[in-house]
Amino acid sequence: MILVVNKLLLCLKKWRIFMLLCSLLHLNSKKIDVDVVAFCFRMIRKWLLSSLIIYAAS
């Protein structure tokens, strides 16, 4: 159980770093870049899937 919580916390940490990177990319490109948004959504989907798999495995 503790192991699963640690893994989820690690995922959340990565998630926060990722969101920070996304916002920085948006600030650098004055307009919202479609590729950046698409990339963000792909990463979000991948992150959610891996979180679900970790949770299901526990």
C-alpha atoms as a PDB file:
ATOM      1  CA  MET A   1       0.000   0.000   0.000  1.00  0.00           C
ATOM      2  CA  ILE A   2       2.778   2.467   0.951  1.00  0.00           C
ATOM      3  CA  LEU A   3       4.600   1.595  -2.268  1.00  0.00           C
ATOM      4  CA  VAL A   4       1.531   2.518  -4.334  1.00  0.00           C
ATOM      5  CA  VAL A   5       1.149   5.848  -2.505  1.00  0.00           C
ATOM      6  CA  ASN A   6       4.834   6.624  -3.145  1.00  0.00           C
ATOM      7  CA  LYS A   7       4.423   5.825  -6.843  1.00  0.00           C
ATOM      8  CA  LEU A   8       1.358   8.056  -7.086  1.00  0.00           C
ATOM      9  CA  LEU A   9       3.185  10.896  -5.316  1.00  0.00           C
ATOM     10  CA  LEU A  10       6.074  10.507  -7.753  1.00  0.00           C
ATOM     11  CA  CYS A  11       3.596  10.695 -10.643  1.00  0.00           C
ATOM     12  CA  LEU A  12       2.097  13.862  -9.155  1.00  0.00           C
ATOM     13  CA  LYS A  13       5.562  15.410  -8.862  1.00  0.00           C
ATOM     14  CA  LYS A  14       6.285  14.603 -12.525  1.00  0.00           C
ATOM     15  CA  TRP A  15       2.855  15.961 -13.396  1.00  0.00           C
ATOM     16  CA  ARG A  16       3.569  19.309 -11.686  1.00  0.00           C
ATOM     17  CA  ILE A  17       6.916  19.621 -13.510  1.00  0.00           C
ATOM     18  CA  PHE A  18       5.180  18.756 -16.780  1.00  0.00           C
ATOM     19  CA  MET A  19       2.454  21.367 -16.266  1.00  0.00           C
ATOM     20  CA  LEU A  20       5.138  23.950 -15.484  1.00  0.00           C
ATOM     21  CA  LEU A  21       6.927  23.114 -18.748  1.00  0.00           C
ATOM     22  CA  CYS A  22       3.668  23.397 -20.670  1.00  0.00           C
ATOM     23  CA  SER A  23       2.898  26.810 -19.216  1.00  0.00           C
ATOM     24  CA  LEU A  24       6.445  27.976 -20.018  1.00  0.00           C
ATOM     25  CA  LEU A  25       6.028  26.846 -23.610  1.00  0.00           C
ATOM     26  CA  HIS A  26       2.762  28.751 -23.819  1.00  0.00           C
ATOM     27  CA  LEU A  27       4.363  31.898 -22.412  1.00  0.00           C
ATOM     28  CA  ASN A  28       7.227  31.704 -24.900  1.00  0.00           C
ATOM     29  CA  SER A  29       4.970  31.320 -27.901  1.00  0.00           C
ATOM     30  CA  LYS A  30       2.687  34.340 -27.859  1.00  0.00           C
ATOM     31  CA  LYS A  31      -0.117  32.366 -29.472  1.00  0.00           C
ATOM     32  CA  ILE A  32      -1.297  28.956 -28.311  1.00  0.00           C
ATOM     33  CA  ASP A  33       0.567  26.453 -30.439  1.00  0.00           C
ATOM     34  CA  VAL A  34      -1.631  23.580 -31.596  1.00  0.00           C
ATOM     35  CA  ASP A  35       1.291  21.145 -31.454  1.00  0.00           C
ATOM     36  CA  VAL A  36       2.025  22.088 -27.847  1.00  0.00           C
ATOM     37  CA  VAL A  37      -1.620  21.586 -26.851  1.00  0.00           C
ATOM     38  CA  ALA A  38      -1.767  18.234 -28.659  1.00  0.00           C
ATOM     39  CA  PHE A  39       1.466  17.163 -26.967  1.00  0.00           C
ATOM     40  CA  CYS A  40       0.091  18.188 -23.573  1.00  0.00           C
ATOM     41  CA  PHE A  41      -3.089  16.184 -24.076  1.00  0.00           C
ATOM     42  CA  ARG A  42      -1.123  13.115 -25.188  1.00  0.00           C
ATOM     43  CA  MET A  43       1.044  13.354 -22.076  1.00  0.00           C
ATOM     44  CA  ILE A  44      -2.015  13.827 -19.851  1.00  0.00           C
ATOM     45  CA  ARG A  45      -3.630  10.721 -21.356  1.00  0.00           C
ATOM     46  CA  LYS A  46      -0.446   8.688 -20.944  1.00  0.00           C
ATOM     47  CA  TRP A  47      -0.063   9.874 -17.339  1.00  0.00           C
ATOM     48  CA  LEU A  48      -3.667   9.005 -16.472  1.00  0.00           C
ATOM     49  CA  LEU A  49      -3.343   5.558 -18.016  1.00  0.00           C
ATOM     50  CA  SER A  50      -0.119   4.791 -16.154  1.00  0.00           C
ATOM     51  CA  SER A  51      -1.666   6.011 -12.892  1.00  0.00           C
ATOM     52  CA  LEU A  52      -4.655   3.733 -13.416  1.00  0.00           C
ATOM     53  CA  ILE A  53      -2.396   0.774 -14.190  1.00  0.00           C
ATOM     54  CA  ILE A  54      -0.326   1.406 -11.041  1.00  0.00           C
ATOM     55  CA  TYR A  55      -3.510   1.722  -8.993  1.00  0.00           C
ATOM     56  CA  ALA A  56      -5.040  -1.441 -10.492  1.00  0.00           C
ATOM     57  CA  ALA A  57      -1.839  -3.412  -9.863  1.00  0.00           C
ATOM     58  CA  SER A  58      -1.959  -2.689  -6.138  1.00  0.00           C
END
